[in-house]
PDB file of all heavy atoms in Angstrom:
ATOM      1  N   LEU A   1     -51.821-101.211 -55.629  1.00  0.00           N
ATOM      2  CA  LEU A   1     -51.602-100.284 -54.521  1.00  0.00           C
ATOM      3  C   LEU A   1     -52.888-100.084 -53.717  1.00  0.00           C
ATOM      4  O   LEU A   1     -52.859-100.072 -52.477  1.00  0.00           O
ATOM      5  CB  LEU A   1     -51.102 -98.936 -55.048  1.00  0.00           C
ATOM      6  CG  LEU A   1     -50.777 -97.881 -53.990  1.00  0.00           C
ATOM      7  CD1 LEU A   1     -49.645 -98.360 -53.088  1.00  0.00           C
ATOM      8  CD2 LEU A   1     -50.406 -96.552 -54.652  1.00  0.00           C
ATOM      9  N   ALA A   2     -54.006 -99.938 -54.420  1.00  0.00           N
ATOM     10  CA  ALA A   2     -55.291 -99.794 -53.719  1.00  0.00           C
ATOM     11  C   ALA A   2     -55.572-101.018 -52.855  1.00  0.00           C
ATOM     12  O   ALA A   2     -56.032-100.900 -51.713  1.00  0.00           O
ATOM     13  CB  ALA A   2     -56.414 -99.589 -54.734  1.00  0.00           C
ATOM     14  N   GLY A   3     -55.272-102.201 -53.393  1.00  0.00           N
ATOM     15  CA  GLY A   3     -55.470-103.426 -52.627  1.00  0.00           C
ATOM     16  C   GLY A   3     -54.567-103.498 -51.414  1.00  0.00           C
ATOM     17  O   GLY A   3     -55.004-103.850 -50.309  1.00  0.00           O
ATOM     18  N   ILE A   4     -53.293-103.154 -51.593  1.00  0.00           N
ATOM     19  CA  ILE A   4     -52.332-103.212 -50.489  1.00  0.00           C
ATOM     20  C   ILE A   4     -52.728-102.251 -49.364  1.00  0.00           C
ATOM     21  O   ILE A   4     -52.715-102.614 -48.182  1.00  0.00           O
ATOM     22  CB  ILE A   4     -50.915-102.892 -50.998  1.00  0.00           C
ATOM     23  CG1 ILE A   4     -50.380-104.061 -51.842  1.00  0.00           C
ATOM     24  CG2 ILE A   4     -49.964-102.590 -49.833  1.00  0.00           C
ATOM     25  CD1 ILE A   4     -49.064-103.757 -52.537  1.00  0.00           C
ATOM     26  N   LEU A   5     -53.098-101.030 -49.720  1.00  0.00           N
ATOM     27  CA  LEU A   5     -53.374-100.021 -48.701  1.00  0.00           C
ATOM     28  C   LEU A   5     -54.664-100.299 -47.942  1.00  0.00           C
ATOM     29  O   LEU A   5     -54.721-100.162 -46.713  1.00  0.00           O
ATOM     30  CB  LEU A   5     -53.407 -98.633 -49.333  1.00  0.00           C
ATOM     31  CG  LEU A   5     -52.095 -98.176 -49.988  1.00  0.00           C
ATOM     32  CD1 LEU A   5     -52.186 -96.739 -50.459  1.00  0.00           C
ATOM     33  CD2 LEU A   5     -50.911 -98.352 -49.045  1.00  0.00           C
ATOM     34  N   THR A   6     -55.726-100.685 -48.646  1.00  0.00           N
ATOM     35  CA  THR A   6     -56.971-101.009 -47.936  1.00  0.00           C
ATOM     36  C   THR A   6     -56.814-102.301 -47.138  1.00  0.00           C
ATOM     37  O   THR A   6     -57.396-102.448 -46.054  1.00  0.00           O
ATOM     38  CB  THR A   6     -58.148-101.124 -48.908  1.00  0.00           C
ATOM     39  OG1 THR A   6     -57.783-101.951 -50.035  1.00  0.00           O
ATOM     40  CG2 THR A   6     -58.589 -99.767 -49.406  1.00  0.00           C
ATOM     41  N   MET A   7     -56.017-103.227 -47.644  1.00  0.00           N
ATOM     42  CA  MET A   7     -55.723-104.448 -46.893  1.00  0.00           C
ATOM     43  C   MET A   7     -54.969-104.106 -45.609  1.00  0.00           C
ATOM     44  O   MET A   7     -55.263-104.639 -44.533  1.00  0.00           O
ATOM     45  CB  MET A   7     -54.892-105.390 -47.768  1.00  0.00           C
ATOM     46  CG  MET A   7     -54.622-106.760 -47.186  1.00  0.00           C
ATOM     47  SD  MET A   7     -53.765-107.767 -48.441  1.00  0.00           S
ATOM     48  CE  MET A   7     -53.375-109.222 -47.459  1.00  0.00           C
ATOM     49  N   ALA A   8     -54.012-103.186 -45.696  1.00  0.00           N
ATOM     50  CA  ALA A   8     -53.243-102.784 -44.514  1.00  0.00           C
ATOM     51  C   ALA A   8     -54.150-102.176 -43.456  1.00  0.00           C
ATOM     52  O   ALA A   8     -54.006-102.456 -42.262  1.00  0.00           O
ATOM     53  CB  ALA A   8     -52.149-101.793 -44.911  1.00  0.00           C
ATOM     54  N   PHE A   9     -55.101-101.360 -43.876  1.00  0.00           N
ATOM     55  CA  PHE A   9     -55.999-100.733 -42.911  1.00  0.00           C
ATOM     56  C   PHE A   9     -56.953-101.739 -42.272  1.00  0.00           C
ATOM     57  O   PHE A   9     -57.538-101.458 -41.217  1.00  0.00           O
ATOM     58  CB  PHE A   9     -56.808 -99.610 -43.556  1.00  0.00           C
ATOM     59  CG  PHE A   9     -57.572 -98.775 -42.562  1.00  0.00           C
ATOM     60  CD1 PHE A   9     -56.907 -97.895 -41.722  1.00  0.00           C
ATOM     61  CD2 PHE A   9     -58.950 -98.895 -42.447  1.00  0.00           C
ATOM     62  CE1 PHE A   9     -57.599 -97.139 -40.785  1.00  0.00           C
ATOM     63  CE2 PHE A   9     -59.650 -98.139 -41.522  1.00  0.00           C
ATOM     64  CZ  PHE A   9     -58.978 -97.255 -40.679  1.00  0.00           C
ATOM     65  N   SER A  10     -57.064-102.916 -42.866  1.00  0.00           N
ATOM     66  CA  SER A  10     -57.940-103.966 -42.323  1.00  0.00           C
ATOM     67  C   SER A  10     -57.231-104.854 -41.315  1.00  0.00           C
ATOM     68  O   SER A  10     -57.876-105.704 -40.684  1.00  0.00           O
ATOM     69  CB  SER A  10     -58.459-104.847 -43.479  1.00  0.00           C
ATOM     70  OG  SER A  10     -59.127-104.093 -44.454  1.00  0.00           O
ATOM     71  N   MET A  11     -55.918-104.667 -41.130  1.00  0.00           N
ATOM     72  CA  MET A  11     -55.117-105.658 -40.417  1.00  0.00           C
ATOM     73  C   MET A  11     -55.250-105.651 -38.896  1.00  0.00           C
ATOM     74  O   MET A  11     -54.787-106.584 -38.238  1.00  0.00           O
ATOM     75  CB  MET A  11     -53.632-105.486 -40.781  1.00  0.00           C
ATOM     76  CG  MET A  11     -53.256-105.941 -42.182  1.00  0.00           C
ATOM     77  SD  MET A  11     -53.522-107.703 -42.457  1.00  0.00           S
ATOM     78  CE  MET A  11     -55.118-107.689 -43.281  1.00  0.00           C
ATOM     79  N   ARG A  12     -55.863-104.618 -38.305  1.00  0.00           N
ATOM     80  CA  ARG A  12     -55.983-104.582 -36.839  1.00  0.00           C
ATOM     81  C   ARG A  12     -57.399-104.255 -36.373  1.00  0.00           C
ATOM     82  O   ARG A  12     -57.651-104.185 -35.172  1.00  0.00           O
ATOM     83  CB  ARG A  12     -55.011-103.542 -36.251  1.00  0.00           C
ATOM     84  CG  ARG A  12     -53.538-103.839 -36.458  1.00  0.00           C
ATOM     85  CD  ARG A  12     -53.082-105.086 -35.735  1.00  0.00           C
ATOM     86  NE  ARG A  12     -51.652-105.323 -35.901  1.00  0.00           N
ATOM     87  CZ  ARG A  12     -51.122-105.997 -36.922  1.00  0.00           C
ATOM     88  NH1 ARG A  12     -51.904-106.530 -37.855  1.00  0.00           N
ATOM     89  NH2 ARG A  12     -49.814-106.163 -36.995  1.00  0.00           N
ATOM     90  N   LEU A  13     -58.327-104.077 -37.295  1.00  0.00           N
ATOM     91  CA  LEU A  13     -59.666-103.616 -36.934  1.00  0.00           C
ATOM     92  C   LEU A  13     -60.380-104.582 -35.992  1.00  0.00           C
ATOM     93  O   LEU A  13     -61.042-104.166 -35.040  1.00  0.00           O
ATOM     94  CB  LEU A  13     -60.504-103.398 -38.203  1.00  0.00           C
ATOM     95  CG  LEU A  13     -59.962-102.350 -39.183  1.00  0.00           C
ATOM     96  CD1 LEU A  13     -60.860-102.257 -40.405  1.00  0.00           C
ATOM     97  CD2 LEU A  13     -59.847-100.984 -38.504  1.00  0.00           C
ATOM     98  N   ALA A  14     -60.259-105.876 -36.243  1.00  0.00           N
ATOM     99  CA  ALA A  14     -60.943-106.858 -35.393  1.00  0.00           C
ATOM    100  C   ALA A  14     -60.289-106.969 -34.024  1.00  0.00           C
ATOM    101  O   ALA A  14     -60.912-107.471 -33.083  1.00  0.00           O
ATOM    102  CB  ALA A  14     -60.955-108.232 -36.074  1.00  0.00           C
ATOM    103  N   VAL A  15     -59.057-106.494 -33.906  1.00  0.00           N
ATOM    104  CA  VAL A  15     -58.332-106.595 -32.638  1.00  0.00           C
ATOM    105  C   VAL A  15     -58.750-105.483 -31.686  1.00  0.00           C
ATOM    106  O   VAL A  15     -59.081-105.725 -30.519  1.00  0.00           O
ATOM    107  CB  VAL A  15     -56.804-106.537 -32.870  1.00  0.00           C
ATOM    108  CG1 VAL A  15     -56.053-106.584 -31.546  1.00  0.00           C
ATOM    109  CG2 VAL A  15     -56.362-107.681 -33.774  1.00  0.00           C
ATOM    110  N   THR A  16     -58.762-104.248 -32.160  1.00  0.00           N
ATOM    111  CA  THR A  16     -58.941-103.109 -31.257  1.00  0.00           C
ATOM    112  C   THR A  16     -60.357-102.548 -31.234  1.00  0.00           C
ATOM    113  O   THR A  16     -60.659-101.693 -30.404  1.00  0.00           O
ATOM    114  CB  THR A  16     -57.959-101.974 -31.631  1.00  0.00           C
ATOM    115  OG1 THR A  16     -58.214-101.551 -32.981  1.00  0.00           O
ATOM    116  CG2 THR A  16     -56.523-102.444 -31.504  1.00  0.00           C
ATOM    117  N   SER A  17     -61.232-103.020 -32.119  1.00  0.00           N
ATOM    118  CA  SER A  17     -62.604-102.505 -32.120  1.00  0.00           C
ATOM    119  C   SER A  17     -63.483-103.179 -31.073  1.00  0.00           C
ATOM    120  O   SER A  17     -64.536-102.638 -30.705  1.00  0.00           O
ATOM    121  CB  SER A  17     -63.236-102.705 -33.508  1.00  0.00           C
ATOM    122  OG  SER A  17     -63.322-104.085 -33.833  1.00  0.00           O
ATOM    123  N   THR A  18     -63.075-104.339 -30.551  1.00  0.00           N
ATOM    124  CA  THR A  18     -63.935-105.118 -29.665  1.00  0.00           C
ATOM    125  C   THR A  18     -63.758-104.844 -28.168  1.00  0.00           C
ATOM    126  O   THR A  18     -64.757-104.681 -27.455  1.00  0.00           O
ATOM    127  CB  THR A  18     -63.733-106.626 -29.930  1.00  0.00           C
ATOM    128  OG1 THR A  18     -63.917-106.879 -31.327  1.00  0.00           O
ATOM    129  CG2 THR A  18     -64.721-107.452 -29.143  1.00  0.00           C
ATOM    130  N   PRO A  19     -62.537-104.801 -27.597  1.00  0.00           N
ATOM    131  CA  PRO A  19     -62.404-104.639 -26.139  1.00  0.00           C
ATOM    132  C   PRO A  19     -63.173-103.469 -25.531  1.00  0.00           C
ATOM    133  O   PRO A  19     -63.756-103.633 -24.454  1.00  0.00           O
ATOM    134  CB  PRO A  19     -60.883-104.482 -25.957  1.00  0.00           C
ATOM    135  CG  PRO A  19     -60.304-105.265 -27.085  1.00  0.00           C
ATOM    136  CD  PRO A  19     -61.226-105.012 -28.240  1.00  0.00           C
ATOM    137  N   PRO A  20     -63.255-102.290 -26.185  1.00  0.00           N
ATOM    138  CA  PRO A  20     -64.021-101.205 -25.566  1.00  0.00           C
ATOM    139  C   PRO A  20     -65.519-101.495 -25.459  1.00  0.00           C
ATOM    140  O   PRO A  20     -66.230-100.794 -24.732  1.00  0.00           O
ATOM    141  CB  PRO A  20     -63.775-100.017 -26.516  1.00  0.00           C
ATOM    142  CG  PRO A  20     -62.525-100.352 -27.250  1.00  0.00           C
ATOM    143  CD  PRO A  20     -62.556-101.836 -27.405  1.00  0.00           C
ATOM    144  N   LEU A  21     -65.988-102.532 -26.165  1.00  0.00           N
ATOM    145  CA  LEU A  21     -67.426-102.811 -26.222  1.00  0.00           C
ATOM    146  C   LEU A  21     -67.880-103.909 -25.271  1.00  0.00           C
ATOM    147  O   LEU A  21     -69.055-104.268 -25.259  1.00  0.00           O
ATOM    148  CB  LEU A  21     -67.820-103.209 -27.663  1.00  0.00           C
ATOM    149  CG  LEU A  21     -67.532-102.176 -28.749  1.00  0.00           C
ATOM    150  CD1 LEU A  21     -67.887-102.735 -30.117  1.00  0.00           C
ATOM    151  CD2 LEU A  21     -68.316-100.890 -28.484  1.00  0.00           C
ATOM    152  N   PHE A  22     -66.953-104.461 -24.494  1.00  0.00           N
ATOM    153  CA  PHE A  22     -67.321-105.589 -23.626  1.00  0.00           C
ATOM    154  C   PHE A  22     -68.511-105.249 -22.725  1.00  0.00           C
ATOM    155  O   PHE A  22     -69.403-106.065 -22.518  1.00  0.00           O
ATOM    156  CB  PHE A  22     -66.125-106.022 -22.778  1.00  0.00           C
ATOM    157  CG  PHE A  22     -65.072-106.786 -23.542  1.00  0.00           C
ATOM    158  CD1 PHE A  22     -63.810-106.995 -22.988  1.00  0.00           C
ATOM    159  CD2 PHE A  22     -65.318-107.291 -24.809  1.00  0.00           C
ATOM    160  CE1 PHE A  22     -62.840-107.700 -23.677  1.00  0.00           C
ATOM    161  CE2 PHE A  22     -64.351-107.989 -25.516  1.00  0.00           C
ATOM    162  CZ  PHE A  22     -63.109-108.200 -24.949  1.00  0.00           C
ATOM    163  N   GLY A  23     -68.524-104.050 -22.185  1.00  0.00           N
ATOM    164  CA  GLY A  23     -69.632-103.652 -21.316  1.00  0.00           C
ATOM    165  C   GLY A  23     -70.958-103.610 -22.053  1.00  0.00           C
ATOM    166  O   GLY A  23     -72.002-103.980 -21.496  1.00  0.00           O
ATOM    167  N   HIS A  24     -70.952-103.167 -23.292  1.00  0.00           N
ATOM    168  CA  HIS A  24     -72.175-103.115 -24.087  1.00  0.00           C
ATOM    169  C   HIS A  24     -72.631-104.512 -24.524  1.00  0.00           C
ATOM    170  O   HIS A  24     -73.823-104.744 -24.736  1.00  0.00           O
ATOM    171  CB  HIS A  24     -71.960-102.247 -25.336  1.00  0.00           C
ATOM    172  CG  HIS A  24     -71.775-100.796 -25.053  1.00  0.00           C
ATOM    173  ND1 HIS A  24     -70.608-100.284 -24.527  1.00  0.00           N
ATOM    174  CD2 HIS A  24     -72.612 -99.730 -25.205  1.00  0.00           C
ATOM    175  CE1 HIS A  24     -70.726 -98.965 -24.384  1.00  0.00           C
ATOM    176  NE2 HIS A  24     -71.932 -98.609 -24.779  1.00  0.00           N
ATOM    177  N   MET A  25     -71.681-105.434 -24.633  1.00  0.00           N
ATOM    178  CA  MET A  25     -72.000-106.772 -25.126  1.00  0.00           C
ATOM    179  C   MET A  25     -72.559-107.680 -24.037  1.00  0.00           C
ATOM    180  O   MET A  25     -73.274-108.642 -24.330  1.00  0.00           O
ATOM    181  CB  MET A  25     -70.744-107.407 -25.737  1.00  0.00           C
ATOM    182  CG  MET A  25     -70.211-106.661 -26.954  1.00  0.00           C
ATOM    183  SD  MET A  25     -68.508-107.131 -27.409  1.00  0.00           S
ATOM    184  CE  MET A  25     -68.749-108.845 -27.886  1.00  0.00           C
ATOM    185  N   ARG A  26     -72.254-107.397 -22.779  1.00  0.00           N
ATOM    186  CA  ARG A  26     -72.577-108.331 -21.690  1.00  0.00           C
ATOM    187  C   ARG A  26     -74.059-108.680 -21.552  1.00  0.00           C
ATOM    188  O   ARG A  26     -74.371-109.812 -21.182  1.00  0.00           O
ATOM    189  CB  ARG A  26     -72.018-107.790 -20.375  1.00  0.00           C
ATOM    190  CG  ARG A  26     -70.504-107.978 -20.248  1.00  0.00           C
ATOM    191  CD  ARG A  26     -69.980-107.749 -18.828  1.00  0.00           C
ATOM    192  NE  ARG A  26     -68.539-107.918 -18.801  1.00  0.00           N
ATOM    193  CZ  ARG A  26     -67.660-106.918 -18.806  1.00  0.00           C
ATOM    194  NH1 ARG A  26     -68.101-105.675 -18.826  1.00  0.00           N
ATOM    195  NH2 ARG A  26     -66.360-107.151 -18.780  1.00  0.00           N
ATOM    196  N   PRO A  27     -74.998-107.773 -21.816  1.00  0.00           N
ATOM    197  CA  PRO A  27     -76.404-108.184 -21.713  1.00  0.00           C
ATOM    198  C   PRO A  27     -76.781-109.315 -22.678  1.00  0.00           C
ATOM    199  O   PRO A  27     -77.708-110.070 -22.408  1.00  0.00           O
ATOM    200  CB  PRO A  27     -77.172-106.899 -22.048  1.00  0.00           C
ATOM    201  CG  PRO A  27     -76.242-105.795 -21.656  1.00  0.00           C
ATOM    202  CD  PRO A  27     -74.874-106.317 -22.008  1.00  0.00           C
ATOM    203  N   GLU A  28     -76.036-109.446 -23.804  1.00  0.00           N
ATOM    204  CA  GLU A  28     -76.352-110.483 -24.786  1.00  0.00           C
ATOM    205  C   GLU A  28     -75.292-111.583 -24.837  1.00  0.00           C
ATOM    206  O   GLU A  28     -75.613-112.745 -25.114  1.00  0.00           O
ATOM    207  CB  GLU A  28     -76.490-109.849 -26.174  1.00  0.00           C
ATOM    208  CG  GLU A  28     -77.625-108.849 -26.276  1.00  0.00           C
ATOM    209  CD  GLU A  28     -77.710-108.242 -27.664  1.00  0.00           C
ATOM    210  OE1 GLU A  28     -77.995-108.985 -28.615  1.00  0.00           O
ATOM    211  OE2 GLU A  28     -77.491-107.017 -27.792  1.00  0.00           O
ATOM    212  N   LEU A  29     -74.041-111.233 -24.613  1.00  0.00           N
ATOM    213  CA  LEU A  29     -72.950-112.212 -24.593  1.00  0.00           C
ATOM    214  C   LEU A  29     -72.230-112.095 -23.243  1.00  0.00           C
ATOM    215  O   LEU A  29     -71.875-110.988 -22.822  1.00  0.00           O
ATOM    216  CB  LEU A  29     -71.949-111.952 -25.728  1.00  0.00           C
ATOM    217  CG  LEU A  29     -72.443-112.130 -27.161  1.00  0.00           C
ATOM    218  CD1 LEU A  29     -71.329-111.782 -28.142  1.00  0.00           C
ATOM    219  CD2 LEU A  29     -72.921-113.546 -27.405  1.00  0.00           C
ATOM    220  N   VAL A  30     -72.000-113.219 -22.617  1.00  0.00           N
ATOM    221  CA  VAL A  30     -71.352-113.198 -21.303  1.00  0.00           C
ATOM    222  C   VAL A  30     -69.841-113.081 -21.493  1.00  0.00           C
ATOM    223  O   VAL A  30     -69.121-114.080 -21.614  1.00  0.00           O
ATOM    224  CB  VAL A  30     -71.702-114.456 -20.486  1.00  0.00           C
ATOM    225  CG1 VAL A  30     -71.056-114.372 -19.094  1.00  0.00           C
ATOM    226  CG2 VAL A  30     -73.207-114.596 -20.366  1.00  0.00           C
ATOM    227  N   ILE A  31     -69.332-111.866 -21.541  1.00  0.00           N
ATOM    228  CA  ILE A  31     -67.901-111.608 -21.688  1.00  0.00           C
ATOM    229  C   ILE A  31     -67.335-111.373 -20.297  1.00  0.00           C
ATOM    230  O   ILE A  31     -67.302-110.243 -19.787  1.00  0.00           O
ATOM    231  CB  ILE A  31     -67.631-110.396 -22.594  1.00  0.00           C
ATOM    232  CG1 ILE A  31     -68.342-110.553 -23.938  1.00  0.00           C
ATOM    233  CG2 ILE A  31     -66.130-110.210 -22.797  1.00  0.00           C
ATOM    234  CD1 ILE A  31     -67.792-111.635 -24.813  1.00  0.00           C
TER     235      ILE A  31
END
């Protein structure tokens, strides 16, 4: 159960954590 629940919370983090940061990333990465 611990594995399932922490795995579930990991399922969208890489998707929604990045778009708000595009402005901060541009000086180093050309987004």
